[in-house]
Amino acid sequence: MEEMKTLRAFVRLVELGTFSSVANELRVSQSTVSKWIAALEEELGVRLVDRTTRSLHVTETGQRLYRRSVALISDLDSAIAEARQDASELRGHIRVSLPVVFGQRVVVPILAGFLRQHELIELELVFSDRYVGLVDEGFDVAIRVGIPVDSALQSHKLGGGTRHLVAAPDYLSLAGTPRHPADLESHQCLVHTARDSRHSWSFERAGEAYSVRVGGRVTANNSESTLFLAKGGFGIALLADWLVERDLQEGHLVELLEDYQAPPAPVSALTAPGRMMSPRIRALIDYLRTNLGERLSGRAKSRAVTPS
């Protein structure tokens, strides 16, 4: 920005005609303005103004530089004004990557409120269960469920989703009901390939941790497919509260091992490292942290409270 300060002084010198006038306007000494112009001429290797004791004459090169500088400074001032306006009004485009089922069922209804609050922000929502290249594919934010794979990205925790072990009544009538996590080894378990690390499920009860290897005829990388198969009686699934809540209430699924808690599935917003976060992206992440966190914890609490 030092170069721009010097160019601004040169432009005002051409417009005002004297070093003293520029010095008064910029609130610096006349010798300082003279040094700026001399330094600019030295850097460019050409004389921009001819000075005499009575007058100042702008050279032909100086006139060309003046015309270009006026346009440059005008564009810069406009860009700075727009950036400041963006910061105060929260406007602009945000490209967001979301997992398919979680994004459609949970995040989009929350984003509707964000859009109503910020009418000048545009959202581009791209649904995919694969881990996208945040920078290479031009995403500003990626919403992900589970532990982030790329540790180089900036991770902003939004909340944690309670998970339940569930199965259809028809499956349990044929295969029996597990009473302990170790019993799952002899059952058909529907494994989510993207989230169930090494095909193992972990649980905790009274401070004691349990980890069990699971497997079955079907694996999938999509939670809704796993839910469909569980309801169809093809095995036991470990699924998020928001996904199974209705089916548990309607009796399509039965919750198993209720005394054992699976660790919550973390939900994060990922952004590129080493970048200053724009106000609109920060506003989006803050909004999701507040409202998504409330949604996930609220559903879990509502299930924990049973009417008397």
C-alpha atoms as a PDB file:
ATOM      1  CA  MET A   1       0.000   0.000   0.000  1.00  0.00           C
ATOM      2  CA  GLU A   2       3.038   2.303   0.204  1.00  0.00           C
ATOM      3  CA  GLU A   3       3.060   2.507  -3.600  1.00  0.00           C
ATOM      4  CA  MET A   4      -0.596   3.535  -3.594  1.00  0.00           C
ATOM      5  CA  LYS A   5       0.112   6.270  -1.043  1.00  0.00           C
ATOM      6  CA  THR A   6       2.823   7.648  -3.308  1.00  0.00           C
ATOM      7  CA  LEU A   7       0.589   7.442  -6.386  1.00  0.00           C
ATOM      8  CA  ARG A   8      -2.207   9.242  -4.547  1.00  0.00           C
ATOM      9  CA  ALA A   9       0.204  12.039  -3.642  1.00  0.00           C
ATOM     10  CA  PHE A  10       1.351  12.283  -7.267  1.00  0.00           C
ATOM     11  CA  VAL A  11      -2.241  12.447  -8.541  1.00  0.00           C
ATOM     12  CA  ARG A  12      -3.111  15.208  -6.095  1.00  0.00           C
ATOM     13  CA  LEU A  13       0.073  17.068  -7.034  1.00  0.00           C
ATOM     14  CA  VAL A  14      -1.028  17.106 -10.677  1.00  0.00           C
ATOM     15  CA  GLU A  15      -4.525  18.212  -9.689  1.00  0.00           C
ATOM     16  CA  LEU A  16      -3.600  20.848  -7.076  1.00  0.00           C
ATOM     17  CA  GLY A  17      -0.450  22.139  -8.751  1.00  0.00           C
ATOM     18  CA  THR A  18       1.765  22.742  -5.697  1.00  0.00           C
ATOM     19  CA  PHE A  19       3.605  20.656  -3.139  1.00  0.00           C
ATOM     20  CA  SER A  20       2.316  22.825  -0.303  1.00  0.00           C
ATOM     21  CA  SER A  21      -1.324  22.223  -1.250  1.00  0.00           C
ATOM     22  CA  VAL A  22      -0.791  18.454  -1.297  1.00  0.00           C
ATOM     23  CA  ALA A  23       1.057  18.609   2.025  1.00  0.00           C
ATOM     24  CA  ASN A  24      -1.791  20.563   3.638  1.00  0.00           C
ATOM     25  CA  GLU A  25      -4.397  18.125   2.322  1.00  0.00           C
ATOM     26  CA  LEU A  26      -2.489  15.021   3.428  1.00  0.00           C
ATOM     27  CA  ARG A  27      -1.385  16.654   6.693  1.00  0.00           C
ATOM     28  CA  VAL A  28       2.305  15.999   6.145  1.00  0.00           C
ATOM     29  CA  SER A  29       5.262  18.310   5.589  1.00  0.00           C
ATOM     30  CA  GLN A  30       6.045  19.714   2.139  1.00  0.00           C
ATOM     31  CA  SER A  31       9.450  18.009   2.240  1.00  0.00           C
ATOM     32  CA  THR A  32       7.727  14.636   2.804  1.00  0.00           C
ATOM     33  CA  VAL A  33       5.617  15.061  -0.331  1.00  0.00           C
ATOM     34  CA  SER A  34       8.720  16.097  -2.265  1.00  0.00           C
ATOM     35  CA  LYS A  35      10.538  12.956  -1.058  1.00  0.00           C
ATOM     36  CA  TRP A  36       7.617  10.755  -2.121  1.00  0.00           C
ATOM     37  CA  ILE A  37       7.595  12.167  -5.630  1.00  0.00           C
ATOM     38  CA  ALA A  38      11.380  11.963  -5.910  1.00  0.00           C
ATOM     39  CA  ALA A  39      11.296   8.326  -4.749  1.00  0.00           C
ATOM     40  CA  LEU A  40       8.598   7.530  -7.332  1.00  0.00           C
ATOM     41  CA  GLU A  41      10.662   9.116 -10.098  1.00  0.00           C
ATOM     42  CA  GLU A  42      13.753   7.214  -8.974  1.00  0.00           C
ATOM     43  CA  GLU A  43      11.880   3.911  -8.913  1.00  0.00           C
ATOM     44  CA  LEU A  44      10.452   4.495 -12.401  1.00  0.00           C
ATOM     45  CA  GLY A  45      13.685   5.922 -13.760  1.00  0.00           C
ATOM     46  CA  VAL A  46      11.956   8.874 -15.393  1.00  0.00           C
ATOM     47  CA  ARG A  47      11.111  12.475 -14.516  1.00  0.00           C
ATOM     48  CA  LEU A  48       7.416  13.051 -13.873  1.00  0.00           C
ATOM     49  CA  VAL A  49       7.394  16.769 -13.047  1.00  0.00           C
ATOM     50  CA  ASP A  50       9.684  19.667 -13.852  1.00  0.00           C
ATOM     51  CA  ARG A  51      10.059  21.950 -10.854  1.00  0.00           C
ATOM     52  CA  THR A  52      10.985  25.605 -10.788  1.00  0.00           C
ATOM     53  CA  THR A  53      10.798  28.103  -7.971  1.00  0.00           C
ATOM     54  CA  ARG A  54       7.622  29.587  -9.447  1.00  0.00           C
ATOM     55  CA  SER A  55       5.831  26.718 -11.206  1.00  0.00           C
ATOM     56  CA  LEU A  56       5.445  22.988 -11.660  1.00  0.00           C
ATOM     57  CA  HIS A  57       5.151  21.332 -15.089  1.00  0.00           C
ATOM     58  CA  VAL A  58       3.961  17.739 -15.546  1.00  0.00           C
ATOM     59  CA  THR A  59       5.980  15.893 -18.185  1.00  0.00           C
ATOM     60  CA  GLU A  60       4.361  13.835 -20.945  1.00  0.00           C
ATOM     61  CA  THR A  61       5.244  10.637 -19.065  1.00  0.00           C
ATOM     62  CA  GLY A  62       3.797  12.162 -15.928  1.00  0.00           C
ATOM     63  CA  GLN A  63       0.542  12.941 -17.763  1.00  0.00           C
ATOM     64  CA  ARG A  64       0.224   9.328 -18.928  1.00  0.00           C
ATOM     65  CA  LEU A  65       0.961   8.019 -15.427  1.00  0.00           C
ATOM     66  CA  TYR A  66      -1.574  10.471 -14.016  1.00  0.00           C
ATOM     67  CA  ARG A  67      -4.361   9.231 -16.308  1.00  0.00           C
ATOM     68  CA  ARG A  68      -3.635   5.591 -15.528  1.00  0.00           C
ATOM     69  CA  SER A  69      -3.300   6.289 -11.798  1.00  0.00           C
ATOM     70  CA  VAL A  70      -6.636   8.098 -11.595  1.00  0.00           C
ATOM     71  CA  ALA A  71      -8.388   5.038 -13.038  1.00  0.00           C
ATOM     72  CA  LEU A  72      -6.390   2.660 -10.830  1.00  0.00           C
ATOM     73  CA  ILE A  73      -7.105   4.588  -7.624  1.00  0.00           C
ATOM     74  CA  SER A  74     -10.785   4.869  -8.526  1.00  0.00           C
ATOM     75  CA  ASP A  75     -11.018   1.092  -9.031  1.00  0.00           C
ATOM     76  CA  LEU A  76      -9.148   0.438  -5.799  1.00  0.00           C
ATOM     77  CA  ASP A  77     -11.363   2.809  -3.807  1.00  0.00           C
ATOM     78  CA  SER A  78     -14.457   1.149  -5.263  1.00  0.00           C
ATOM     79  CA  ALA A  79     -13.134  -2.314  -4.398  1.00  0.00           C
ATOM     80  CA  ILE A  80     -12.346  -1.241  -0.824  1.00  0.00           C
ATOM     81  CA  ALA A  81     -15.782   0.353  -0.455  1.00  0.00           C
ATOM     82  CA  GLU A  82     -17.455  -2.823  -1.730  1.00  0.00           C
ATOM     83  CA  ALA A  83     -15.411  -4.974   0.641  1.00  0.00           C
ATOM     84  CA  ARG A  84     -16.399  -2.778   3.577  1.00  0.00           C
ATOM     85  CA  GLN A  85     -20.014  -2.913   2.456  1.00  0.00           C
ATOM     86  CA  ASP A  86     -19.816  -6.699   2.232  1.00  0.00           C
ATOM     87  CA  ALA A  87     -18.491  -6.819   5.775  1.00  0.00           C
ATOM     88  CA  SER A  88     -21.283  -4.631   7.118  1.00  0.00           C
ATOM     89  CA  GLU A  89     -24.157  -6.007   5.019  1.00  0.00           C
ATOM     90  CA  LEU A  90     -23.001  -9.625   4.640  1.00  0.00           C
ATOM     91  CA  ARG A  91     -23.384 -10.141   0.927  1.00  0.00           C
ATOM     92  CA  GLY A  92     -21.871 -12.439  -1.664  1.00  0.00           C
ATOM     93  CA  HIS A  93     -21.705 -16.053  -2.823  1.00  0.00           C
ATOM     94  CA  ILE A  94     -20.874 -19.103  -0.649  1.00  0.00           C
ATOM     95  CA  ARG A  95     -20.267 -22.528  -2.213  1.00  0.00           C
ATOM     96  CA  VAL A  96     -21.032 -25.296   0.290  1.00  0.00           C
ATOM     97  CA  SER A  97     -20.450 -29.061   0.127  1.00  0.00           C
ATOM     98  CA  LEU A  98     -22.862 -31.201   2.178  1.00  0.00           C
ATOM     99  CA  PRO A  99     -23.411 -34.942   2.720  1.00  0.00           C
ATOM    100  CA  VAL A 100     -26.547 -36.039   0.882  1.00  0.00           C
ATOM    101  CA  VAL A 101     -28.921 -37.316   3.568  1.00  0.00           C
ATOM    102  CA  PHE A 102     -27.761 -35.201   6.515  1.00  0.00           C
ATOM    103  CA  GLY A 103     -27.596 -32.131   4.305  1.00  0.00           C
ATOM    104  CA  GLN A 104     -31.087 -32.523   2.898  1.00  0.00           C
ATOM    105  CA  ARG A 105     -32.824 -33.601   6.094  1.00  0.00           C
ATOM    106  CA  VAL A 106     -31.078 -31.518   8.737  1.00  0.00           C
ATOM    107  CA  VAL A 107     -28.924 -28.723   7.297  1.00  0.00           C
ATOM    108  CA  VAL A 108     -31.178 -27.328   4.557  1.00  0.00           C
ATOM    109  CA  PRO A 109     -34.106 -26.545   6.907  1.00  0.00           C
ATOM    110  CA  ILE A 110     -31.641 -24.638   9.106  1.00  0.00           C
ATOM    111  CA  LEU A 111     -30.170 -22.774   6.124  1.00  0.00           C
ATOM    112  CA  ALA A 112     -33.645 -21.524   5.241  1.00  0.00           C
ATOM    113  CA  GLY A 113     -33.526 -19.398   8.380  1.00  0.00           C
ATOM    114  CA  PHE A 114     -30.039 -18.147   7.520  1.00  0.00           C
ATOM    115  CA  LEU A 115     -31.219 -17.061   4.060  1.00  0.00           C
ATOM    116  CA  ARG A 116     -34.150 -15.182   5.533  1.00  0.00           C
ATOM    117  CA  GLN A 117     -31.786 -13.294   7.848  1.00  0.00           C
ATOM    118  CA  HIS A 118     -29.239 -12.449   5.131  1.00  0.00           C
ATOM    119  CA  GLU A 119     -31.051 -11.604   1.915  1.00  0.00           C
ATOM    120  CA  LEU A 120     -27.896 -10.472   0.097  1.00  0.00           C
ATOM    121  CA  ILE A 121     -26.070 -13.795   0.525  1.00  0.00           C
ATOM    122  CA  GLU A 122     -26.251 -16.442  -2.210  1.00  0.00           C
ATOM    123  CA  LEU A 123     -25.742 -20.118  -1.330  1.00  0.00           C
ATOM    124  CA  GLU A 124     -24.632 -22.789  -3.789  1.00  0.00           C
ATOM    125  CA  LEU A 125     -25.358 -26.164  -2.172  1.00  0.00           C
ATOM    126  CA  VAL A 126     -23.604 -29.222  -3.628  1.00  0.00           C
ATOM    127  CA  PHE A 127     -24.646 -32.598  -2.181  1.00  0.00           C
ATOM    128  CA  SER A 128     -22.139 -35.446  -2.202  1.00  0.00           C
ATOM    129  CA  ASP A 129     -21.003 -38.147   0.229  1.00  0.00           C
ATOM    130  CA  ARG A 130     -17.457 -38.144  -1.122  1.00  0.00           C
ATOM    131  CA  TYR A 131     -14.715 -36.036   0.422  1.00  0.00           C
ATOM    132  CA  VAL A 132     -14.418 -33.134  -1.999  1.00  0.00           C
ATOM    133  CA  GLY A 133     -11.235 -31.163  -2.665  1.00  0.00           C
ATOM    134  CA  LEU A 134     -12.088 -27.962  -0.856  1.00  0.00           C
ATOM    135  CA  VAL A 135      -9.622 -25.685  -2.654  1.00  0.00           C
ATOM    136  CA  ASP A 136      -9.311 -27.565  -5.955  1.00  0.00           C
ATOM    137  CA  GLU A 137     -13.077 -27.691  -6.462  1.00  0.00           C
ATOM    138  CA  GLY A 138     -13.760 -24.136  -5.349  1.00  0.00           C
ATOM    139  CA  PHE A 139     -15.705 -24.767  -2.135  1.00  0.00           C
ATOM    140  CA  ASP A 140     -15.803 -22.184   0.641  1.00  0.00           C
ATOM    141  CA  VAL A 141     -17.155 -24.579   3.276  1.00  0.00           C
ATOM    142  CA  ALA A 142     -17.679 -28.339   3.564  1.00  0.00           C
ATOM    143  CA  ILE A 143     -20.081 -29.749   6.162  1.00  0.00           C
ATOM    144  CA  ARG A 144     -19.010 -33.220   7.286  1.00  0.00           C
ATOM    145  CA  VAL A 145     -20.239 -35.844   9.747  1.00  0.00           C
ATOM    146  CA  GLY A 146     -17.533 -37.869  11.461  1.00  0.00           C
ATOM    147  CA  ILE A 147     -13.862 -37.210  12.148  1.00  0.00           C
ATOM    148  CA  PRO A 148     -12.389 -35.064   9.322  1.00  0.00           C
ATOM    149  CA  VAL A 149     -10.110 -37.032   7.028  1.00  0.00           C
ATOM    150  CA  ASP A 150      -7.872 -34.124   5.962  1.00  0.00           C
ATOM    151  CA  SER A 151      -6.156 -32.776   9.076  1.00  0.00           C
ATOM    152  CA  ALA A 152      -4.680 -29.888   7.057  1.00  0.00           C
ATOM    153  CA  LEU A 153      -8.089 -28.217   6.782  1.00  0.00           C
ATOM    154  CA  GLN A 154      -9.460 -25.822   9.378  1.00  0.00           C
ATOM    155  CA  SER A 155     -12.141 -27.685  11.339  1.00  0.00           C
ATOM    156  CA  HIS A 156     -14.942 -25.789  13.103  1.00  0.00           C
ATOM    157  CA  LYS A 157     -17.026 -28.024  15.379  1.00  0.00           C
ATOM    158  CA  LEU A 158     -20.755 -27.515  14.948  1.00  0.00           C
ATOM    159  CA  GLY A 159     -22.103 -30.185  17.300  1.00  0.00           C
ATOM    160  CA  GLY A 160     -22.410 -33.898  17.847  1.00  0.00           C
ATOM    161  CA  GLY A 161     -25.195 -36.245  16.835  1.00  0.00           C
ATOM    162  CA  THR A 162     -26.457 -38.974  19.167  1.00  0.00           C
ATOM    163  CA  ARG A 163     -26.503 -42.446  17.580  1.00  0.00           C
ATOM    164  CA  HIS A 164     -28.707 -45.438  18.321  1.00  0.00           C
ATOM    165  CA  LEU A 165     -28.320 -49.148  17.741  1.00  0.00           C
ATOM    166  CA  VAL A 166     -31.499 -50.290  15.982  1.00  0.00           C
ATOM    167  CA  ALA A 167     -33.066 -53.249  14.213  1.00  0.00           C
ATOM    168  CA  ALA A 168     -36.471 -54.232  12.838  1.00  0.00           C
ATOM    169  CA  PRO A 169     -38.762 -56.414  14.980  1.00  0.00           C
ATOM    170  CA  ASP A 170     -38.785 -59.044  12.208  1.00  0.00           C
ATOM    171  CA  TYR A 171     -34.992 -59.356  12.338  1.00  0.00           C
ATOM    172  CA  LEU A 172     -34.953 -59.698  16.117  1.00  0.00           C
ATOM    173  CA  SER A 173     -37.668 -62.358  16.062  1.00  0.00           C
ATOM    174  CA  LEU A 174     -35.460 -64.484  13.802  1.00  0.00           C
ATOM    175  CA  ALA A 175     -31.946 -63.689  15.064  1.00  0.00           C
ATOM    176  CA  GLY A 176     -32.610 -62.839  18.697  1.00  0.00           C
ATOM    177  CA  THR A 177     -31.887 -59.656  20.654  1.00  0.00           C
ATOM    178  CA  PRO A 178     -28.290 -58.814  21.642  1.00  0.00           C
ATOM    179  CA  ARG A 179     -27.821 -58.171  25.358  1.00  0.00           C
ATOM    180  CA  HIS A 180     -24.166 -57.120  25.316  1.00  0.00           C
ATOM    181  CA  PRO A 181     -21.949 -55.409  22.696  1.00  0.00           C
ATOM    182  CA  ALA A 182     -19.985 -58.638  22.272  1.00  0.00           C
ATOM    183  CA  ASP A 183     -23.192 -60.328  21.027  1.00  0.00           C
ATOM    184  CA  LEU A 184     -23.065 -58.141  17.906  1.00  0.00           C
ATOM    185  CA  GLU A 185     -20.232 -60.260  16.522  1.00  0.00           C
ATOM    186  CA  SER A 186     -22.726 -63.055  15.795  1.00  0.00           C
ATOM    187  CA  HIS A 187     -25.305 -60.760  14.157  1.00  0.00           C
ATOM    188  CA  GLN A 188     -25.782 -59.317  10.719  1.00  0.00           C
ATOM    189  CA  CYS A 189     -24.604 -55.707  11.116  1.00  0.00           C
ATOM    190  CA  LEU A 190     -25.107 -53.028   8.487  1.00  0.00           C
ATOM    191  CA  VAL A 191     -21.796 -51.176   8.321  1.00  0.00           C
ATOM    192  CA  HIS A 192     -21.453 -47.597   7.076  1.00  0.00           C
ATOM    193  CA  THR A 193     -18.170 -47.820   5.163  1.00  0.00           C
ATOM    194  CA  ALA A 194     -17.355 -44.109   5.432  1.00  0.00           C
ATOM    195  CA  ARG A 195     -17.927 -43.755   9.184  1.00  0.00           C
ATOM    196  CA  ASP A 196     -17.526 -47.112  10.908  1.00  0.00           C
ATOM    197  CA  SER A 197     -13.751 -47.187  11.337  1.00  0.00           C
ATOM    198  CA  ARG A 198     -12.279 -50.608  10.534  1.00  0.00           C
ATOM    199  CA  HIS A 199     -15.778 -52.130  10.717  1.00  0.00           C
ATOM    200  CA  SER A 200     -15.894 -51.711  14.490  1.00  0.00           C
ATOM    201  CA  TRP A 201     -18.458 -50.106  16.757  1.00  0.00           C
ATOM    202  CA  SER A 202     -17.633 -48.507  20.101  1.00  0.00           C
ATOM    203  CA  PHE A 203     -19.831 -48.099  23.161  1.00  0.00           C
ATOM    204  CA  GLU A 204     -19.555 -46.865  26.736  1.00  0.00           C
ATOM    205  CA  ARG A 205     -21.392 -47.824  29.884  1.00  0.00           C
ATOM    206  CA  ALA A 206     -20.705 -46.501  33.384  1.00  0.00           C
ATOM    207  CA  GLY A 207     -17.282 -45.249  32.308  1.00  0.00           C
ATOM    208  CA  GLU A 208     -16.262 -48.572  30.766  1.00  0.00           C
ATOM    209  CA  ALA A 209     -15.483 -48.677  27.026  1.00  0.00           C
ATOM    210  CA  TYR A 210     -16.365 -51.502  24.654  1.00  0.00           C
ATOM    211  CA  SER A 211     -15.266 -52.009  21.060  1.00  0.00           C
ATOM    212  CA  VAL A 212     -16.571 -54.821  18.887  1.00  0.00           C
ATOM    213  CA  ARG A 213     -15.799 -55.965  15.343  1.00  0.00           C
ATOM    214  CA  VAL A 214     -18.952 -56.061  13.231  1.00  0.00           C
ATOM    215  CA  GLY A 215     -19.843 -57.241   9.768  1.00  0.00           C
ATOM    216  CA  GLY A 216     -22.609 -58.635   7.625  1.00  0.00           C
ATOM    217  CA  ARG A 217     -23.849 -59.311   4.132  1.00  0.00           C
ATOM    218  CA  VAL A 218     -24.275 -55.635   3.219  1.00  0.00           C
ATOM    219  CA  THR A 219     -22.116 -52.531   3.624  1.00  0.00           C
ATOM    220  CA  ALA A 220     -23.046 -49.078   2.332  1.00  0.00           C
ATOM    221  CA  ASN A 221     -21.670 -45.552   2.249  1.00  0.00           C
ATOM    222  CA  ASN A 222     -25.101 -43.929   2.578  1.00  0.00           C
ATOM    223  CA  SER A 223     -27.099 -43.691   5.805  1.00  0.00           C
ATOM    224  CA  GLU A 224     -30.516 -43.690   4.148  1.00  0.00           C
ATOM    225  CA  SER A 225     -29.716 -46.969   2.381  1.00  0.00           C
ATOM    226  CA  THR A 226     -28.598 -48.444   5.699  1.00  0.00           C
ATOM    227  CA  LEU A 227     -31.857 -47.278   7.296  1.00  0.00           C
ATOM    228  CA  PHE A 228     -33.914 -48.861   4.498  1.00  0.00           C
ATOM    229  CA  LEU A 229     -32.116 -52.184   4.936  1.00  0.00           C
ATOM    230  CA  ALA A 230     -32.494 -52.114   8.713  1.00  0.00           C
ATOM    231  CA  LYS A 231     -36.243 -51.511   8.393  1.00  0.00           C
ATOM    232  CA  GLY A 232     -36.367 -54.372   5.898  1.00  0.00           C
ATOM    233  CA  GLY A 233     -34.989 -56.792   8.472  1.00  0.00           C
ATOM    234  CA  PHE A 234     -31.521 -57.262   6.973  1.00  0.00           C
ATOM    235  CA  GLY A 235     -29.573 -56.542  10.144  1.00  0.00           C
ATOM    236  CA  ILE A 236     -28.624 -54.197  12.969  1.00  0.00           C
ATOM    237  CA  ALA A 237     -27.562 -50.609  12.249  1.00  0.00           C
ATOM    238  CA  LEU A 238     -25.902 -47.816  14.218  1.00  0.00           C
ATOM    239  CA  LEU A 239     -27.645 -44.665  13.005  1.00  0.00           C
ATOM    240  CA  ALA A 240     -28.089 -41.025  13.971  1.00  0.00           C
ATOM    241  CA  ASP A 241     -30.968 -39.936  16.189  1.00  0.00           C
ATOM    242  CA  TRP A 242     -32.349 -37.543  13.566  1.00  0.00           C
ATOM    243  CA  LEU A 243     -32.503 -40.369  11.024  1.00  0.00           C
ATOM    244  CA  VAL A 244     -34.259 -43.041  13.121  1.00  0.00           C
ATOM    245  CA  GLU A 245     -36.428 -40.960  15.436  1.00  0.00           C
ATOM    246  CA  ARG A 246     -39.686 -41.354  13.513  1.00  0.00           C
ATOM    247  CA  ASP A 247     -39.197 -45.062  12.808  1.00  0.00           C
ATOM    248  CA  LEU A 248     -38.533 -45.707  16.503  1.00  0.00           C
ATOM    249  CA  GLN A 249     -41.695 -43.827  17.453  1.00  0.00           C
ATOM    250  CA  GLU A 250     -43.779 -45.697  14.870  1.00  0.00           C
ATOM    251  CA  GLY A 251     -42.391 -49.115  15.795  1.00  0.00           C
ATOM    252  CA  HIS A 252     -40.633 -49.842  12.510  1.00  0.00           C
ATOM    253  CA  LEU A 253     -37.375 -50.111  14.463  1.00  0.00           C
ATOM    254  CA  VAL A 254     -36.450 -51.154  17.997  1.00  0.00           C
ATOM    255  CA  GLU A 255     -33.609 -49.597  19.964  1.00  0.00           C
ATOM    256  CA  LEU A 256     -31.041 -52.081  21.302  1.00  0.00           C
ATOM    257  CA  LEU A 257     -28.528 -51.977  24.146  1.00  0.00           C
ATOM    258  CA  GLU A 258     -30.009 -48.751  25.495  1.00  0.00           C
ATOM    259  CA  ASP A 259     -27.684 -48.810  28.522  1.00  0.00           C
ATOM    260  CA  TYR A 260     -24.674 -48.565  26.182  1.00  0.00           C
ATOM    261  CA  GLN A 261     -23.938 -45.225  24.526  1.00  0.00           C
ATOM    262  CA  ALA A 262     -22.185 -44.956  21.184  1.00  0.00           C
ATOM    263  CA  PRO A 263     -19.910 -41.892  20.910  1.00  0.00           C
ATOM    264  CA  PRO A 264     -21.620 -38.936  19.197  1.00  0.00           C
ATOM    265  CA  ALA A 265     -20.812 -38.426  15.533  1.00  0.00           C
ATOM    266  CA  PRO A 266     -19.053 -35.024  15.332  1.00  0.00           C
ATOM    267  CA  VAL A 267     -20.409 -32.540  12.806  1.00  0.00           C
ATOM    268  CA  SER A 268     -17.869 -30.035  11.479  1.00  0.00           C
ATOM    269  CA  ALA A 269     -17.550 -27.188   9.020  1.00  0.00           C
ATOM    270  CA  LEU A 270     -14.264 -27.396   7.121  1.00  0.00           C
ATOM    271  CA  THR A 271     -12.545 -24.391   5.542  1.00  0.00           C
ATOM    272  CA  ALA A 272      -9.265 -23.939   3.698  1.00  0.00           C
ATOM    273  CA  PRO A 273      -6.177 -23.370   5.880  1.00  0.00           C
ATOM    274  CA  GLY A 274      -4.214 -20.140   5.879  1.00  0.00           C
ATOM    275  CA  ARG A 275      -7.036 -17.945   4.610  1.00  0.00           C
ATOM    276  CA  MET A 276      -8.696 -15.053   6.356  1.00  0.00           C
ATOM    277  CA  MET A 277     -12.327 -16.091   6.750  1.00  0.00           C
ATOM    278  CA  SER A 278     -14.744 -13.645   5.136  1.00  0.00           C
ATOM    279  CA  PRO A 279     -17.503 -12.198   7.359  1.00  0.00           C
ATOM    280  CA  ARG A 280     -20.235 -13.982   5.372  1.00  0.00           C
ATOM    281  CA  ILE A 281     -18.594 -17.398   5.818  1.00  0.00           C
ATOM    282  CA  ARG A 282     -17.999 -16.728   9.507  1.00  0.00           C
ATOM    283  CA  ALA A 283     -21.661 -15.729   9.858  1.00  0.00           C
ATOM    284  CA  LEU A 284     -22.746 -18.983   8.188  1.00  0.00           C
ATOM    285  CA  ILE A 285     -20.573 -21.135  10.452  1.00  0.00           C
ATOM    286  CA  ASP A 286     -21.703 -19.272  13.590  1.00  0.00           C
ATOM    287  CA  TYR A 287     -25.336 -19.685  12.550  1.00  0.00           C
ATOM    288  CA  LEU A 288     -24.890 -23.415  11.951  1.00  0.00           C
ATOM    289  CA  ARG A 289     -23.006 -23.868  15.227  1.00  0.00           C
ATOM    290  CA  THR A 290     -25.879 -22.306  17.172  1.00  0.00           C
ATOM    291  CA  ASN A 291     -28.843 -23.781  15.338  1.00  0.00           C
ATOM    292  CA  LEU A 292     -27.440 -27.149  14.291  1.00  0.00           C
ATOM    293  CA  GLY A 293     -26.087 -27.756  17.786  1.00  0.00           C
ATOM    294  CA  GLU A 294     -29.503 -26.994  19.247  1.00  0.00           C
ATOM    295  CA  ARG A 295     -31.224 -29.238  16.695  1.00  0.00           C
ATOM    296  CA  LEU A 296     -29.009 -32.241  17.378  1.00  0.00           C
ATOM    297  CA  SER A 297     -28.956 -31.918  21.169  1.00  0.00           C
ATOM    298  CA  GLY A 298     -32.643 -30.987  21.248  1.00  0.00           C
ATOM    299  CA  ARG A 299     -33.714 -34.182  19.487  1.00  0.00           C
ATOM    300  CA  ALA A 300     -31.548 -36.302  21.745  1.00  0.00           C
ATOM    301  CA  LYS A 301     -32.990 -34.652  24.855  1.00  0.00           C
ATOM    302  CA  SER A 302     -36.574 -34.999  23.606  1.00  0.00           C
ATOM    303  CA  ARG A 303     -36.045 -38.748  23.200  1.00  0.00           C
ATOM    304  CA  ALA A 304     -34.494 -39.009  26.639  1.00  0.00           C
ATOM    305  CA  VAL A 305     -37.624 -37.545  28.279  1.00  0.00           C
ATOM    306  CA  THR A 306     -40.541 -39.957  28.439  1.00  0.00           C
ATOM    307  CA  PRO A 307     -44.033 -38.746  29.396  1.00  0.00           C
ATOM    308  CA  SER A 308     -45.275 -39.914  32.781  1.00  0.00           C
END
